[in-house]
């Protein structure tokens, strides 16, 4: 967390508080769009990797809204791309958990983050069908529908509920999934329960709220993690890379964990990954 004496930055005419309000309005519009549209056209992005016309519609809607509200800030969307080199950048996953959405499973979210000089300043993760919006402003805490949230008080790994990200797909899936398979095997012996939710932003938001005690993603796409990482950190989670250092945009993995079980969990993760054969 930033120092207490450090002033909140402004971008153009907007304070960070103003920008969080704008982000909240954008995700509300996106959620309304999702609730009122059914997917009619699918686009195959890769092996078992799909996007829908609703994903595309949400991204167009939010991109236009933010361009009008904050023309000085760049935009990066999962579906339409953008310039990642912008100093000030909105980052959107229009539907994080598209496969859940397509199957009618309500565990998906609109994830929107504001990045300034590679640091996330503001974040919103909104679950359109569940009806909860998680928000965070750097240095000001995390909230669920305006209620302050904190990570869980679970003190031991054996009492913990932990999520791990979904198994990957594509031409290199077998190699990539070895780590997930091995980690699932090792954690299943040590935790109370494991879950696969299928949406990274939900994993991170629920860790922030204390519904989960930790979440593990062996990946770090900016649109998947930027908003959720800030929400988790501002709620008291330690967000780490696979080597135990603080998580950054350059990290390979994204691990959010409450401090009381961090040492136990990271010992399992690092021991498991170190024993995998080199490729």
C-alpha atoms as a PDB file:
ATOM      1  CA  UNK A   1       0.000   0.000   0.000  1.00  0.00           C
ATOM      2  CA  UNK A   2       1.245   3.502  -0.719  1.00  0.00           C
ATOM      3  CA  UNK A   3       2.493   5.759   2.057  1.00  0.00           C
ATOM      4  CA  UNK A   4      -0.160   7.685   3.962  1.00  0.00           C
ATOM      5  CA  UNK A   5       1.431  11.009   3.000  1.00  0.00           C
ATOM      6  CA  UNK A   6       1.424  10.296  -0.726  1.00  0.00           C
ATOM      7  CA  UNK A   7      -1.221  12.318  -2.532  1.00  0.00           C
ATOM      8  CA  UNK A   8      -3.723  10.607  -4.797  1.00  0.00           C
ATOM      9  CA  UNK A   9      -2.751  11.278  -8.423  1.00  0.00           C
ATOM     10  CA  UNK A  10      -5.064  13.042 -10.815  1.00  0.00           C
ATOM     11  CA  UNK A  11      -5.458  12.221 -14.494  1.00  0.00           C
ATOM     12  CA  UNK A  12      -6.532  15.114 -16.647  1.00  0.00           C
ATOM     13  CA  UNK A  13      -9.430  16.806 -14.895  1.00  0.00           C
ATOM     14  CA  UNK A  14     -10.314  13.736 -12.835  1.00  0.00           C
ATOM     15  CA  UNK A  15      -9.356  12.653  -9.342  1.00  0.00           C
ATOM     16  CA  UNK A  16      -8.983   8.941  -8.680  1.00  0.00           C
ATOM     17  CA  UNK A  17     -12.245   9.033  -6.732  1.00  0.00           C
ATOM     18  CA  UNK A  18     -13.967  10.492  -9.809  1.00  0.00           C
ATOM     19  CA  UNK A  19     -12.390   7.811 -11.993  1.00  0.00           C
ATOM     20  CA  UNK A  20     -13.592   5.027  -9.707  1.00  0.00           C
ATOM     21  CA  UNK A  21     -17.113   6.424 -10.033  1.00  0.00           C
ATOM     22  CA  UNK A  22     -16.753   6.451 -13.822  1.00  0.00           C
ATOM     23  CA  UNK A  23     -15.495   2.862 -13.749  1.00  0.00           C
ATOM     24  CA  UNK A  24     -18.463   1.839 -11.625  1.00  0.00           C
ATOM     25  CA  UNK A  25     -20.875   3.407 -14.076  1.00  0.00           C
ATOM     26  CA  UNK A  26     -19.140   1.612 -16.953  1.00  0.00           C
ATOM     27  CA  UNK A  27     -19.474  -1.814 -15.295  1.00  0.00           C
ATOM     28  CA  UNK A  28     -23.107  -1.098 -14.441  1.00  0.00           C
ATOM     29  CA  UNK A  29     -23.814  -0.411 -18.106  1.00  0.00           C
ATOM     30  CA  UNK A  30     -21.960  -3.582 -19.032  1.00  0.00           C
ATOM     31  CA  UNK A  31     -23.926  -5.654 -16.531  1.00  0.00           C
ATOM     32  CA  UNK A  32     -27.224  -4.264 -17.792  1.00  0.00           C
ATOM     33  CA  UNK A  33     -26.207  -5.188 -21.332  1.00  0.00           C
ATOM     34  CA  UNK A  34     -25.288  -8.733 -20.289  1.00  0.00           C
ATOM     35  CA  UNK A  35     -28.551  -9.266 -18.423  1.00  0.00           C
ATOM     36  CA  UNK A  36     -30.584  -8.117 -21.415  1.00  0.00           C
ATOM     37  CA  UNK A  37     -28.786 -10.039 -24.176  1.00  0.00           C
ATOM     38  CA  UNK A  38     -28.404 -13.711 -24.958  1.00  0.00           C
ATOM     39  CA  UNK A  39     -25.427 -14.950 -26.963  1.00  0.00           C
ATOM     40  CA  UNK A  40     -26.380 -15.546 -30.590  1.00  0.00           C
ATOM     41  CA  UNK A  41     -23.006 -15.765 -32.364  1.00  0.00           C
ATOM     42  CA  UNK A  42     -19.821 -17.462 -31.209  1.00  0.00           C
ATOM     43  CA  UNK A  43     -16.273 -16.798 -32.346  1.00  0.00           C
ATOM     44  CA  UNK A  44     -13.662 -19.542 -32.023  1.00  0.00           C
ATOM     45  CA  UNK A  45     -10.456 -17.974 -30.676  1.00  0.00           C
ATOM     46  CA  UNK A  46      -8.565 -21.247 -30.285  1.00  0.00           C
ATOM     47  CA  UNK A  47      -8.926 -24.790 -29.011  1.00  0.00           C
ATOM     48  CA  UNK A  48     -12.182 -24.758 -26.961  1.00  0.00           C
ATOM     49  CA  UNK A  49     -11.679 -21.018 -26.456  1.00  0.00           C
ATOM     50  CA  UNK A  50     -14.748 -18.995 -27.398  1.00  0.00           C
ATOM     51  CA  UNK A  51     -16.000 -15.445 -27.438  1.00  0.00           C
ATOM     52  CA  UNK A  52     -19.566 -14.347 -28.057  1.00  0.00           C
ATOM     53  CA  UNK A  53     -21.331 -11.419 -29.606  1.00  0.00           C
ATOM     54  CA  UNK A  54     -22.236 -10.366 -26.052  1.00  0.00           C
ATOM     55  CA  UNK A  55     -18.547 -10.167 -25.077  1.00  0.00           C
ATOM     56  CA  UNK A  56     -17.961  -8.007 -28.162  1.00  0.00           C
ATOM     57  CA  UNK A  57     -21.001  -5.848 -27.467  1.00  0.00           C
ATOM     58  CA  UNK A  58     -19.962  -5.200 -23.876  1.00  0.00           C
ATOM     59  CA  UNK A  59     -16.465  -4.199 -24.934  1.00  0.00           C
ATOM     60  CA  UNK A  60     -17.753  -1.791 -27.600  1.00  0.00           C
ATOM     61  CA  UNK A  61     -20.180  -0.253 -25.110  1.00  0.00           C
ATOM     62  CA  UNK A  62     -17.581   0.251 -22.390  1.00  0.00           C
ATOM     63  CA  UNK A  63     -14.897   1.440 -24.794  1.00  0.00           C
ATOM     64  CA  UNK A  64     -17.252   4.119 -26.164  1.00  0.00           C
ATOM     65  CA  UNK A  65     -18.436   5.186 -22.703  1.00  0.00           C
ATOM     66  CA  UNK A  66     -14.906   5.543 -21.361  1.00  0.00           C
ATOM     67  CA  UNK A  67     -13.629   7.291 -24.498  1.00  0.00           C
ATOM     68  CA  UNK A  68     -16.363   9.921 -24.081  1.00  0.00           C
ATOM     69  CA  UNK A  69     -15.883  10.252 -20.317  1.00  0.00           C
ATOM     70  CA  UNK A  70     -12.073  10.117 -20.235  1.00  0.00           C
ATOM     71  CA  UNK A  71     -10.644  10.786 -23.707  1.00  0.00           C
ATOM     72  CA  UNK A  72      -7.179  11.310 -22.223  1.00  0.00           C
ATOM     73  CA  UNK A  73      -6.958   7.677 -21.026  1.00  0.00           C
ATOM     74  CA  UNK A  74      -6.115   4.763 -23.318  1.00  0.00           C
ATOM     75  CA  UNK A  75      -8.059   1.521 -23.510  1.00  0.00           C
ATOM     76  CA  UNK A  76      -7.123  -2.154 -23.660  1.00  0.00           C
ATOM     77  CA  UNK A  77      -9.810  -4.806 -24.042  1.00  0.00           C
ATOM     78  CA  UNK A  78      -9.435  -8.567 -24.153  1.00  0.00           C
ATOM     79  CA  UNK A  79     -11.420  -8.841 -27.387  1.00  0.00           C
ATOM     80  CA  UNK A  80     -10.356  -5.733 -29.317  1.00  0.00           C
ATOM     81  CA  UNK A  81      -6.892  -5.097 -27.945  1.00  0.00           C
ATOM     82  CA  UNK A  82      -5.285  -1.697 -27.493  1.00  0.00           C
ATOM     83  CA  UNK A  83      -1.959  -0.044 -26.746  1.00  0.00           C
ATOM     84  CA  UNK A  84      -0.435  -1.525 -23.579  1.00  0.00           C
ATOM     85  CA  UNK A  85       2.289   1.171 -23.590  1.00  0.00           C
ATOM     86  CA  UNK A  86      -0.077   3.988 -22.622  1.00  0.00           C
ATOM     87  CA  UNK A  87       0.852   5.654 -19.321  1.00  0.00           C
ATOM     88  CA  UNK A  88      -2.817   5.875 -18.366  1.00  0.00           C
ATOM     89  CA  UNK A  89      -4.886   2.884 -19.417  1.00  0.00           C
ATOM     90  CA  UNK A  90      -8.286   1.359 -18.813  1.00  0.00           C
ATOM     91  CA  UNK A  91      -8.079  -2.456 -18.932  1.00  0.00           C
ATOM     92  CA  UNK A  92     -11.289  -4.422 -19.504  1.00  0.00           C
ATOM     93  CA  UNK A  93     -12.306  -8.044 -19.555  1.00  0.00           C
ATOM     94  CA  UNK A  94     -15.895  -7.700 -20.792  1.00  0.00           C
ATOM     95  CA  UNK A  95     -16.884 -11.141 -19.533  1.00  0.00           C
ATOM     96  CA  UNK A  96     -14.298 -12.897 -17.395  1.00  0.00           C
ATOM     97  CA  UNK A  97     -15.589 -16.460 -17.424  1.00  0.00           C
ATOM     98  CA  UNK A  98     -17.194 -16.572 -20.869  1.00  0.00           C
ATOM     99  CA  UNK A  99     -17.623 -20.366 -20.803  1.00  0.00           C
ATOM    100  CA  UNK A 100     -19.521 -20.085 -17.513  1.00  0.00           C
ATOM    101  CA  UNK A 101     -21.667 -17.353 -19.077  1.00  0.00           C
ATOM    102  CA  UNK A 102     -22.413 -19.454 -22.153  1.00  0.00           C
ATOM    103  CA  UNK A 103     -23.537 -22.362 -19.974  1.00  0.00           C
ATOM    104  CA  UNK A 104     -25.717 -20.218 -17.716  1.00  0.00           C
ATOM    105  CA  UNK A 105     -23.373 -20.502 -14.719  1.00  0.00           C
ATOM    106  CA  UNK A 106     -23.448 -17.137 -12.880  1.00  0.00           C
ATOM    107  CA  UNK A 107     -19.751 -17.188 -11.898  1.00  0.00           C
ATOM    108  CA  UNK A 108     -18.497 -14.573 -14.350  1.00  0.00           C
ATOM    109  CA  UNK A 109     -17.698 -10.893 -14.064  1.00  0.00           C
ATOM    110  CA  UNK A 110     -17.023  -7.612 -15.790  1.00  0.00           C
ATOM    111  CA  UNK A 111     -13.485  -6.654 -14.746  1.00  0.00           C
ATOM    112  CA  UNK A 112     -12.253  -3.080 -15.204  1.00  0.00           C
ATOM    113  CA  UNK A 113      -9.010  -1.553 -13.939  1.00  0.00           C
ATOM    114  CA  UNK A 114      -7.370   1.846 -14.287  1.00  0.00           C
ATOM    115  CA  UNK A 115      -3.592   1.669 -14.651  1.00  0.00           C
ATOM    116  CA  UNK A 116      -1.354   4.703 -14.177  1.00  0.00           C
ATOM    117  CA  UNK A 117       2.390   4.328 -14.814  1.00  0.00           C
ATOM    118  CA  UNK A 118       2.037   0.528 -14.558  1.00  0.00           C
ATOM    119  CA  UNK A 119       0.331   0.737 -11.149  1.00  0.00           C
ATOM    120  CA  UNK A 120      -3.369  -0.041 -10.749  1.00  0.00           C
ATOM    121  CA  UNK A 121      -5.146   2.906  -9.152  1.00  0.00           C
ATOM    122  CA  UNK A 122      -8.798   1.869  -9.304  1.00  0.00           C
ATOM    123  CA  UNK A 123     -10.676  -1.352  -9.894  1.00  0.00           C
ATOM    124  CA  UNK A 124     -14.197  -2.695 -10.276  1.00  0.00           C
ATOM    125  CA  UNK A 125     -15.228  -6.339 -10.547  1.00  0.00           C
ATOM    126  CA  UNK A 126     -18.974  -6.686 -11.012  1.00  0.00           C
ATOM    127  CA  UNK A 127     -20.889  -9.984 -11.120  1.00  0.00           C
ATOM    128  CA  UNK A 128     -23.931  -9.238 -13.297  1.00  0.00           C
ATOM    129  CA  UNK A 129     -26.125 -12.200 -12.329  1.00  0.00           C
ATOM    130  CA  UNK A 130     -25.127 -12.409  -8.676  1.00  0.00           C
ATOM    131  CA  UNK A 131     -25.484  -8.659  -8.351  1.00  0.00           C
ATOM    132  CA  UNK A 132     -22.368  -7.733  -6.379  1.00  0.00           C
ATOM    133  CA  UNK A 133     -19.856  -5.057  -7.335  1.00  0.00           C
ATOM    134  CA  UNK A 134     -16.386  -5.121  -5.769  1.00  0.00           C
ATOM    135  CA  UNK A 135     -14.422  -1.870  -5.840  1.00  0.00           C
ATOM    136  CA  UNK A 136     -11.040  -0.631  -4.707  1.00  0.00           C
ATOM    137  CA  UNK A 137      -9.039   2.561  -4.848  1.00  0.00           C
ATOM    138  CA  UNK A 138      -5.322   2.309  -4.134  1.00  0.00           C
ATOM    139  CA  UNK A 139      -4.676   3.178  -0.498  1.00  0.00           C
ATOM    140  CA  UNK A 140      -8.375   3.389   0.409  1.00  0.00           C
ATOM    141  CA  UNK A 141      -9.483  -0.203   0.972  1.00  0.00           C
ATOM    142  CA  UNK A 142     -11.813  -2.619  -0.801  1.00  0.00           C
ATOM    143  CA  UNK A 143     -15.595  -2.735  -0.781  1.00  0.00           C
ATOM    144  CA  UNK A 144     -18.476  -4.977  -1.836  1.00  0.00           C
ATOM    145  CA  UNK A 145     -21.524  -2.876  -2.693  1.00  0.00           C
ATOM    146  CA  UNK A 146     -20.138  -0.120  -0.478  1.00  0.00           C
ATOM    147  CA  UNK A 147     -19.377  -2.402   2.481  1.00  0.00           C
ATOM    148  CA  UNK A 148     -15.743  -2.592   3.604  1.00  0.00           C
ATOM    149  CA  UNK A 149     -14.311  -6.082   3.123  1.00  0.00           C
ATOM    150  CA  UNK A 150     -11.306  -7.917   4.575  1.00  0.00           C
ATOM    151  CA  UNK A 151      -9.635 -11.252   3.958  1.00  0.00           C
ATOM    152  CA  UNK A 152     -10.508 -14.270   6.077  1.00  0.00           C
ATOM    153  CA  UNK A 153      -9.129 -15.059   9.527  1.00  0.00           C
ATOM    154  CA  UNK A 154      -8.453 -18.716   8.686  1.00  0.00           C
ATOM    155  CA  UNK A 155      -5.205 -19.629  10.409  1.00  0.00           C
ATOM    156  CA  UNK A 156      -4.195 -23.030   9.024  1.00  0.00           C
ATOM    157  CA  UNK A 157      -3.969 -24.572   5.584  1.00  0.00           C
ATOM    158  CA  UNK A 158      -6.006 -27.615   6.647  1.00  0.00           C
ATOM    159  CA  UNK A 159      -8.977 -25.345   7.429  1.00  0.00           C
ATOM    160  CA  UNK A 160      -8.750 -23.378   4.183  1.00  0.00           C
ATOM    161  CA  UNK A 161     -10.920 -23.178   1.087  1.00  0.00           C
ATOM    162  CA  UNK A 162      -8.707 -22.450  -1.919  1.00  0.00           C
ATOM    163  CA  UNK A 163      -9.431 -22.000  -5.603  1.00  0.00           C
ATOM    164  CA  UNK A 164      -7.114 -22.951  -8.422  1.00  0.00           C
ATOM    165  CA  UNK A 165      -7.519 -21.722 -11.971  1.00  0.00           C
ATOM    166  CA  UNK A 166      -9.039 -23.769 -14.747  1.00  0.00           C
ATOM    167  CA  UNK A 167      -7.021 -26.198 -16.807  1.00  0.00           C
ATOM    168  CA  UNK A 168      -5.662 -24.619 -19.933  1.00  0.00           C
ATOM    169  CA  UNK A 169      -6.185 -25.579 -23.559  1.00  0.00           C
ATOM    170  CA  UNK A 170      -4.473 -25.293 -26.920  1.00  0.00           C
ATOM    171  CA  UNK A 171      -1.493 -26.919 -28.576  1.00  0.00           C
ATOM    172  CA  UNK A 172       0.732 -26.759 -25.478  1.00  0.00           C
ATOM    173  CA  UNK A 173      -1.981 -27.664 -22.967  1.00  0.00           C
ATOM    174  CA  UNK A 174      -0.551 -31.016 -21.884  1.00  0.00           C
ATOM    175  CA  UNK A 175       2.735 -29.488 -20.763  1.00  0.00           C
ATOM    176  CA  UNK A 176       1.122 -26.475 -19.113  1.00  0.00           C
ATOM    177  CA  UNK A 177      -1.397 -28.597 -17.248  1.00  0.00           C
ATOM    178  CA  UNK A 178       1.234 -30.784 -15.586  1.00  0.00           C
ATOM    179  CA  UNK A 179       1.790 -28.047 -13.014  1.00  0.00           C
ATOM    180  CA  UNK A 180      -1.943 -27.697 -12.360  1.00  0.00           C
ATOM    181  CA  UNK A 181      -2.440 -31.441 -12.029  1.00  0.00           C
ATOM    182  CA  UNK A 182       0.472 -31.844  -9.651  1.00  0.00           C
ATOM    183  CA  UNK A 183      -0.521 -28.805  -7.597  1.00  0.00           C
ATOM    184  CA  UNK A 184      -4.123 -30.011  -7.359  1.00  0.00           C
ATOM    185  CA  UNK A 185      -2.877 -33.403  -6.164  1.00  0.00           C
ATOM    186  CA  UNK A 186      -0.629 -31.932  -3.482  1.00  0.00           C
ATOM    187  CA  UNK A 187      -3.101 -29.344  -2.213  1.00  0.00           C
ATOM    188  CA  UNK A 188      -5.972 -31.846  -2.044  1.00  0.00           C
ATOM    189  CA  UNK A 189      -4.058 -33.640   0.724  1.00  0.00           C
ATOM    190  CA  UNK A 190      -3.574 -30.494   2.786  1.00  0.00           C
ATOM    191  CA  UNK A 191      -6.545 -28.130   2.459  1.00  0.00           C
ATOM    192  CA  UNK A 192     -10.153 -28.423   3.534  1.00  0.00           C
ATOM    193  CA  UNK A 193     -11.430 -28.116  -0.035  1.00  0.00           C
ATOM    194  CA  UNK A 194     -10.291 -27.017  -3.498  1.00  0.00           C
ATOM    195  CA  UNK A 195     -12.501 -25.215  -6.014  1.00  0.00           C
ATOM    196  CA  UNK A 196     -12.249 -24.282  -9.703  1.00  0.00           C
ATOM    197  CA  UNK A 197     -14.490 -21.259 -10.336  1.00  0.00           C
ATOM    198  CA  UNK A 198     -13.435 -20.470 -13.910  1.00  0.00           C
ATOM    199  CA  UNK A 199     -13.057 -16.686 -13.571  1.00  0.00           C
ATOM    200  CA  UNK A 200      -9.860 -15.125 -12.206  1.00  0.00           C
ATOM    201  CA  UNK A 201     -11.475 -11.848 -11.175  1.00  0.00           C
ATOM    202  CA  UNK A 202     -14.066 -13.738  -9.104  1.00  0.00           C
ATOM    203  CA  UNK A 203     -11.292 -15.806  -7.470  1.00  0.00           C
ATOM    204  CA  UNK A 204      -9.498 -12.620  -6.445  1.00  0.00           C
ATOM    205  CA  UNK A 205     -12.613 -10.737  -5.316  1.00  0.00           C
ATOM    206  CA  UNK A 206     -13.816 -13.662  -3.217  1.00  0.00           C
ATOM    207  CA  UNK A 207     -10.398 -13.979  -1.616  1.00  0.00           C
ATOM    208  CA  UNK A 208     -10.644 -10.272  -0.781  1.00  0.00           C
ATOM    209  CA  UNK A 209     -14.050 -10.812   0.799  1.00  0.00           C
ATOM    210  CA  UNK A 210     -12.955 -13.855   2.802  1.00  0.00           C
ATOM    211  CA  UNK A 211     -15.131 -16.346   0.925  1.00  0.00           C
ATOM    212  CA  UNK A 212     -11.874 -17.993  -0.162  1.00  0.00           C
ATOM    213  CA  UNK A 213      -8.704 -18.144   1.898  1.00  0.00           C
ATOM    214  CA  UNK A 214      -6.467 -18.082  -1.166  1.00  0.00           C
ATOM    215  CA  UNK A 215      -6.572 -18.379  -4.936  1.00  0.00           C
ATOM    216  CA  UNK A 216      -3.934 -19.624  -7.343  1.00  0.00           C
ATOM    217  CA  UNK A 217      -3.724 -18.724 -11.025  1.00  0.00           C
ATOM    218  CA  UNK A 218      -0.850 -20.106 -13.082  1.00  0.00           C
ATOM    219  CA  UNK A 219      -1.198 -17.195 -15.460  1.00  0.00           C
ATOM    220  CA  UNK A 220      -1.323 -13.412 -15.457  1.00  0.00           C
ATOM    221  CA  UNK A 221      -3.212 -11.846 -18.367  1.00  0.00           C
ATOM    222  CA  UNK A 222      -3.591  -8.158 -17.562  1.00  0.00           C
ATOM    223  CA  UNK A 223      -7.345  -8.054 -18.217  1.00  0.00           C
ATOM    224  CA  UNK A 224      -7.870 -11.118 -15.995  1.00  0.00           C
ATOM    225  CA  UNK A 225      -5.882  -9.949 -12.968  1.00  0.00           C
ATOM    226  CA  UNK A 226      -5.328  -6.170 -12.860  1.00  0.00           C
ATOM    227  CA  UNK A 227      -8.614  -5.267 -11.146  1.00  0.00           C
ATOM    228  CA  UNK A 228      -8.808  -8.295  -8.875  1.00  0.00           C
ATOM    229  CA  UNK A 229      -5.226  -7.948  -7.647  1.00  0.00           C
ATOM    230  CA  UNK A 230      -5.879  -4.407  -6.377  1.00  0.00           C
ATOM    231  CA  UNK A 231      -9.137  -5.475  -4.717  1.00  0.00           C
ATOM    232  CA  UNK A 232      -7.390  -8.393  -3.004  1.00  0.00           C
ATOM    233  CA  UNK A 233      -4.440  -6.280  -1.835  1.00  0.00           C
ATOM    234  CA  UNK A 234      -6.607  -3.487  -0.489  1.00  0.00           C
ATOM    235  CA  UNK A 235      -8.544  -6.090   1.520  1.00  0.00           C
ATOM    236  CA  UNK A 236      -5.350  -7.335   3.156  1.00  0.00           C
ATOM    237  CA  UNK A 237      -4.333 -10.232   0.910  1.00  0.00           C
ATOM    238  CA  UNK A 238      -0.733 -10.820  -0.005  1.00  0.00           C
ATOM    239  CA  UNK A 239      -0.583 -11.112  -3.797  1.00  0.00           C
ATOM    240  CA  UNK A 240       2.502 -12.958  -4.923  1.00  0.00           C
ATOM    241  CA  UNK A 241       4.292 -14.439  -7.891  1.00  0.00           C
ATOM    242  CA  UNK A 242       5.259 -18.105  -8.003  1.00  0.00           C
ATOM    243  CA  UNK A 243       8.636 -17.339  -6.376  1.00  0.00           C
ATOM    244  CA  UNK A 244       7.011 -15.622  -3.382  1.00  0.00           C
ATOM    245  CA  UNK A 245       7.915 -12.097  -4.455  1.00  0.00           C
ATOM    246  CA  UNK A 246       5.285  -9.391  -4.805  1.00  0.00           C
ATOM    247  CA  UNK A 247       3.122  -9.900  -7.862  1.00  0.00           C
ATOM    248  CA  UNK A 248       3.653  -7.576 -10.814  1.00  0.00           C
ATOM    249  CA  UNK A 249       2.579  -7.310 -14.440  1.00  0.00           C
ATOM    250  CA  UNK A 250       5.631  -9.393 -15.350  1.00  0.00           C
ATOM    251  CA  UNK A 251       4.843 -12.277 -12.993  1.00  0.00           C
ATOM    252  CA  UNK A 252       4.031 -15.690 -14.430  1.00  0.00           C
ATOM    253  CA  UNK A 253       1.590 -16.741 -11.685  1.00  0.00           C
ATOM    254  CA  UNK A 254      -0.932 -14.837  -9.563  1.00  0.00           C
ATOM    255  CA  UNK A 255      -1.389 -16.040  -5.990  1.00  0.00           C
ATOM    256  CA  UNK A 256      -3.539 -14.178  -3.460  1.00  0.00           C
ATOM    257  CA  UNK A 257      -3.460 -15.451   0.096  1.00  0.00           C
ATOM    258  CA  UNK A 258      -4.257 -14.327   3.603  1.00  0.00           C
ATOM    259  CA  UNK A 259      -1.089 -13.725   5.619  1.00  0.00           C
ATOM    260  CA  UNK A 260      -1.820 -16.402   8.213  1.00  0.00           C
ATOM    261  CA  UNK A 261      -1.547 -19.283   5.726  1.00  0.00           C
ATOM    262  CA  UNK A 262       0.940 -17.724   3.291  1.00  0.00           C
ATOM    263  CA  UNK A 263       4.006 -19.634   4.517  1.00  0.00           C
ATOM    264  CA  UNK A 264       2.265 -23.026   4.430  1.00  0.00           C
ATOM    265  CA  UNK A 265       0.717 -22.459   1.029  1.00  0.00           C
ATOM    266  CA  UNK A 266       3.832 -21.087  -0.646  1.00  0.00           C
ATOM    267  CA  UNK A 267       5.877 -24.014   0.681  1.00  0.00           C
ATOM    268  CA  UNK A 268       3.511 -26.418  -1.077  1.00  0.00           C
ATOM    269  CA  UNK A 269       3.429 -24.386  -4.303  1.00  0.00           C
ATOM    270  CA  UNK A 270       7.177 -23.883  -4.561  1.00  0.00           C
ATOM    271  CA  UNK A 271       7.985 -27.473  -3.603  1.00  0.00           C
ATOM    272  CA  UNK A 272       5.515 -28.812  -6.167  1.00  0.00           C
ATOM    273  CA  UNK A 273       6.654 -26.594  -9.022  1.00  0.00           C
ATOM    274  CA  UNK A 274      10.334 -27.254  -8.331  1.00  0.00           C
ATOM    275  CA  UNK A 275       9.806 -31.006  -8.725  1.00  0.00           C
ATOM    276  CA  UNK A 276       8.298 -30.765 -12.173  1.00  0.00           C
ATOM    277  CA  UNK A 277      10.635 -31.932 -14.948  1.00  0.00           C
ATOM    278  CA  UNK A 278      12.290 -29.191 -16.984  1.00  0.00           C
ATOM    279  CA  UNK A 279      10.917 -28.705 -20.502  1.00  0.00           C
END
